[in-house]
Amino acid sequence: QVQLVESGGGLVQAGGSLRLSCAASGGSFSFAMGWFRQAPGKERDFVAAINWSGGDTAYVDSVKGRFTISRDNAKNAVYLQMNSLKPEDTAIYYCAAQYSSRWRHGTKVDYWGQGTQVTVSS
């Protein structure tokens, strides 16, 4: 059973940066990986994704140019570097894995992490 564990969340002022990490264990790391977020009272939304090799990424428009997703397959880890943070980025951030070489929107997520809280103060 694959487990995903996020870390790196916290409280930061607007304009600041955070780097989220997601460590995978319990199986092969042959997944497309993604980050989602859920703000209070809202649905869980897609933020970014990366294909298995790391050569293809995708972002929601609201984070383009500010967030960068990357992965280290040797460490079974995926990262989300978040710069120029805004109060509207406040949410619980979830790591996600999909049995695919490339992230497929609308397709079932096979594994979720437990989430890490990111709070951006104004």
C-alpha atoms as a PDB file:
ATOM      1  CA  GLN A   1       0.000   0.000   0.000  1.00  0.00           C
ATOM      2  CA  VAL A   2       1.462   3.311  -1.097  1.00  0.00           C
ATOM      3  CA  GLN A   3       1.554   6.081   1.471  1.00  0.00           C
ATOM      4  CA  LEU A   4       2.037   9.772   0.762  1.00  0.00           C
ATOM      5  CA  VAL A   5       3.170  12.092   3.529  1.00  0.00           C
ATOM      6  CA  GLU A   6       3.236  15.853   3.064  1.00  0.00           C
ATOM      7  CA  SER A   7       5.340  18.313   5.011  1.00  0.00           C
ATOM      8  CA  GLY A   8       6.434  21.922   4.825  1.00  0.00           C
ATOM      9  CA  GLY A   9       3.200  23.753   5.455  1.00  0.00           C
ATOM     10  CA  GLY A  10       2.927  26.626   7.887  1.00  0.00           C
ATOM     11  CA  LEU A  11       2.093  30.268   8.426  1.00  0.00           C
ATOM     12  CA  VAL A  12       3.694  32.868   6.169  1.00  0.00           C
ATOM     13  CA  GLN A  13       3.083  36.510   5.351  1.00  0.00           C
ATOM     14  CA  ALA A  14       1.817  37.570   1.971  1.00  0.00           C
ATOM     15  CA  GLY A  15       4.678  37.732  -0.502  1.00  0.00           C
ATOM     16  CA  GLY A  16       6.576  35.006   1.283  1.00  0.00           C
ATOM     17  CA  SER A  17       7.546  31.508   0.183  1.00  0.00           C
ATOM     18  CA  LEU A  18       7.052  27.926   1.294  1.00  0.00           C
ATOM     19  CA  ARG A  19       8.255  24.627  -0.077  1.00  0.00           C
ATOM     20  CA  LEU A  20       5.990  21.636   0.329  1.00  0.00           C
ATOM     21  CA  SER A  21       7.349  18.110   0.169  1.00  0.00           C
ATOM     22  CA  CYS A  22       5.584  14.821  -0.385  1.00  0.00           C
ATOM     23  CA  ALA A  23       7.358  11.564   0.399  1.00  0.00           C
ATOM     24  CA  ALA A  24       6.047   8.314  -1.069  1.00  0.00           C
ATOM     25  CA  SER A  25       6.609   4.913   0.470  1.00  0.00           C
ATOM     26  CA  GLY A  26       5.314   1.375   0.236  1.00  0.00           C
ATOM     27  CA  GLY A  27       5.621   0.785  -3.461  1.00  0.00           C
ATOM     28  CA  SER A  28       6.979   1.863  -6.790  1.00  0.00           C
ATOM     29  CA  PHE A  29       7.121   5.599  -7.485  1.00  0.00           C
ATOM     30  CA  SER A  30       5.917   5.090 -11.052  1.00  0.00           C
ATOM     31  CA  PHE A  31       3.134   7.645 -10.779  1.00  0.00           C
ATOM     32  CA  ALA A  32       2.165  10.931 -12.211  1.00  0.00           C
ATOM     33  CA  MET A  33       2.042  13.225  -9.174  1.00  0.00           C
ATOM     34  CA  GLY A  34      -0.119  16.182  -8.359  1.00  0.00           C
ATOM     35  CA  TRP A  35      -0.881  18.802  -5.747  1.00  0.00           C
ATOM     36  CA  PHE A  36      -4.403  19.845  -4.828  1.00  0.00           C
ATOM     37  CA  ARG A  37      -5.719  22.297  -2.262  1.00  0.00           C
ATOM     38  CA  GLN A  38      -8.899  22.773  -0.313  1.00  0.00           C
ATOM     39  CA  ALA A  39      -9.873  26.053   1.281  1.00  0.00           C
ATOM     40  CA  PRO A  40     -12.478  26.186   4.077  1.00  0.00           C
ATOM     41  CA  GLY A  41     -15.961  25.649   2.705  1.00  0.00           C
ATOM     42  CA  LYS A  42     -14.713  24.923  -0.792  1.00  0.00           C
ATOM     43  CA  GLU A  43     -14.050  21.867  -2.905  1.00  0.00           C
ATOM     44  CA  ARG A  44     -10.641  20.322  -3.384  1.00  0.00           C
ATOM     45  CA  ASP A  45      -9.078  21.879  -6.458  1.00  0.00           C
ATOM     46  CA  PHE A  46      -6.188  20.991  -8.730  1.00  0.00           C
ATOM     47  CA  VAL A  47      -3.030  23.085  -8.305  1.00  0.00           C
ATOM     48  CA  ALA A  48      -0.207  21.415 -10.234  1.00  0.00           C
ATOM     49  CA  ALA A  49       0.914  18.109 -11.687  1.00  0.00           C
ATOM     50  CA  ILE A  50       4.055  16.505 -13.040  1.00  0.00           C
ATOM     51  CA  ASN A  51       4.554  13.471 -15.219  1.00  0.00           C
ATOM     52  CA  TRP A  52       6.642  10.475 -14.229  1.00  0.00           C
ATOM     53  CA  SER A  53       9.882  11.688 -15.793  1.00  0.00           C
ATOM     54  CA  GLY A  54       9.483  15.254 -14.540  1.00  0.00           C
ATOM     55  CA  GLY A  55       9.640  16.700 -18.022  1.00  0.00           C
ATOM     56  CA  ASP A  56       6.025  17.788 -18.271  1.00  0.00           C
ATOM     57  CA  THR A  57       4.185  19.974 -15.787  1.00  0.00           C
ATOM     58  CA  ALA A  58       0.794  21.633 -15.556  1.00  0.00           C
ATOM     59  CA  TYR A  59      -0.597  24.377 -13.329  1.00  0.00           C
ATOM     60  CA  VAL A  60      -3.882  26.042 -12.567  1.00  0.00           C
ATOM     61  CA  ASP A  61      -3.838  29.567 -13.976  1.00  0.00           C
ATOM     62  CA  SER A  62      -3.924  31.246 -10.563  1.00  0.00           C
ATOM     63  CA  VAL A  63      -0.502  29.867  -9.568  1.00  0.00           C
ATOM     64  CA  LYS A  64       1.357  30.022 -12.883  1.00  0.00           C
ATOM     65  CA  GLY A  65       4.599  31.933 -12.511  1.00  0.00           C
ATOM     66  CA  ARG A  66       4.497  31.634  -8.705  1.00  0.00           C
ATOM     67  CA  PHE A  67       4.473  27.894  -7.993  1.00  0.00           C
ATOM     68  CA  THR A  68       6.837  25.235  -9.310  1.00  0.00           C
ATOM     69  CA  ILE A  69       6.298  21.495  -9.065  1.00  0.00           C
ATOM     70  CA  SER A  70       9.268  19.158  -9.244  1.00  0.00           C
ATOM     71  CA  ARG A  71      10.168  15.599  -8.326  1.00  0.00           C
ATOM     72  CA  ASP A  72      13.149  13.483  -7.342  1.00  0.00           C
ATOM     73  CA  ASN A  73      12.500   9.887  -8.319  1.00  0.00           C
ATOM     74  CA  ALA A  74      15.627   8.707  -6.516  1.00  0.00           C
ATOM     75  CA  LYS A  75      14.080   9.965  -3.278  1.00  0.00           C
ATOM     76  CA  ASN A  76      10.462   9.071  -4.130  1.00  0.00           C
ATOM     77  CA  ALA A  77       9.549  12.679  -3.498  1.00  0.00           C
ATOM     78  CA  VAL A  78       7.638  15.491  -5.130  1.00  0.00           C
ATOM     79  CA  TYR A  79       7.852  19.147  -4.206  1.00  0.00           C
ATOM     80  CA  LEU A  80       5.839  22.321  -4.592  1.00  0.00           C
ATOM     81  CA  GLN A  81       7.809  25.545  -4.366  1.00  0.00           C
ATOM     82  CA  MET A  82       5.403  28.374  -3.649  1.00  0.00           C
ATOM     83  CA  ASN A  83       6.572  31.952  -4.074  1.00  0.00           C
ATOM     84  CA  SER A  84       4.790  35.303  -3.890  1.00  0.00           C
ATOM     85  CA  LEU A  85       2.133  33.743  -1.721  1.00  0.00           C
ATOM     86  CA  LYS A  86      -1.239  35.444  -1.409  1.00  0.00           C
ATOM     87  CA  PRO A  87      -3.933  35.167   1.270  1.00  0.00           C
ATOM     88  CA  GLU A  88      -6.116  33.363  -1.262  1.00  0.00           C
ATOM     89  CA  ASP A  89      -3.528  30.569  -1.361  1.00  0.00           C
ATOM     90  CA  THR A  90      -4.550  29.644   2.187  1.00  0.00           C
ATOM     91  CA  ALA A  91      -5.747  26.034   2.156  1.00  0.00           C
ATOM     92  CA  ILE A  92      -4.907  22.486   3.072  1.00  0.00           C
ATOM     93  CA  TYR A  93      -2.559  21.179   0.387  1.00  0.00           C
ATOM     94  CA  TYR A  94      -2.762  17.532  -0.620  1.00  0.00           C
ATOM     95  CA  CYS A  95      -0.306  15.387  -2.506  1.00  0.00           C
ATOM     96  CA  ALA A  96      -1.836  12.967  -5.000  1.00  0.00           C
ATOM     97  CA  ALA A  97      -0.625  10.032  -7.090  1.00  0.00           C
ATOM     98  CA  GLN A  98      -2.087   8.570 -10.239  1.00  0.00           C
ATOM     99  CA  TYR A  99      -1.143   5.307 -11.936  1.00  0.00           C
ATOM    100  CA  SER A 100      -0.186   6.972 -15.171  1.00  0.00           C
ATOM    101  CA  SER A 101       2.934   8.243 -16.836  1.00  0.00           C
ATOM    102  CA  ARG A 102       1.199  11.607 -17.289  1.00  0.00           C
ATOM    103  CA  TRP A 103      -1.432  13.334 -15.161  1.00  0.00           C
ATOM    104  CA  ARG A 104      -4.913  12.797 -16.536  1.00  0.00           C
ATOM    105  CA  HIS A 105      -7.497  15.339 -15.395  1.00  0.00           C
ATOM    106  CA  GLY A 106     -10.811  13.816 -14.447  1.00  0.00           C
ATOM    107  CA  THR A 107      -9.277  10.406 -13.887  1.00  0.00           C
ATOM    108  CA  LYS A 108      -9.351   8.776 -10.476  1.00  0.00           C
ATOM    109  CA  VAL A 109      -6.587   9.670  -8.054  1.00  0.00           C
ATOM    110  CA  ASP A 110      -5.152   6.437  -6.744  1.00  0.00           C
ATOM    111  CA  TYR A 111      -3.554   7.772  -3.559  1.00  0.00           C
ATOM    112  CA  TRP A 112      -3.918  10.881  -1.411  1.00  0.00           C
ATOM    113  CA  GLY A 113      -1.759  12.267   1.330  1.00  0.00           C
ATOM    114  CA  GLN A 114      -3.220  13.492   4.595  1.00  0.00           C
ATOM    115  CA  GLY A 115      -2.683  17.154   3.774  1.00  0.00           C
ATOM    116  CA  THR A 116      -0.626  20.016   5.156  1.00  0.00           C
ATOM    117  CA  GLN A 117      -1.994  23.409   6.161  1.00  0.00           C
ATOM    118  CA  VAL A 118      -0.748  26.538   4.435  1.00  0.00           C
ATOM    119  CA  THR A 119      -1.873  29.858   5.889  1.00  0.00           C
ATOM    120  CA  VAL A 120      -0.951  33.158   4.265  1.00  0.00           C
ATOM    121  CA  SER A 121      -1.566  36.273   6.337  1.00  0.00           C
ATOM    122  CA  SER A 122      -2.178  39.669   4.792  1.00  0.00           C
END
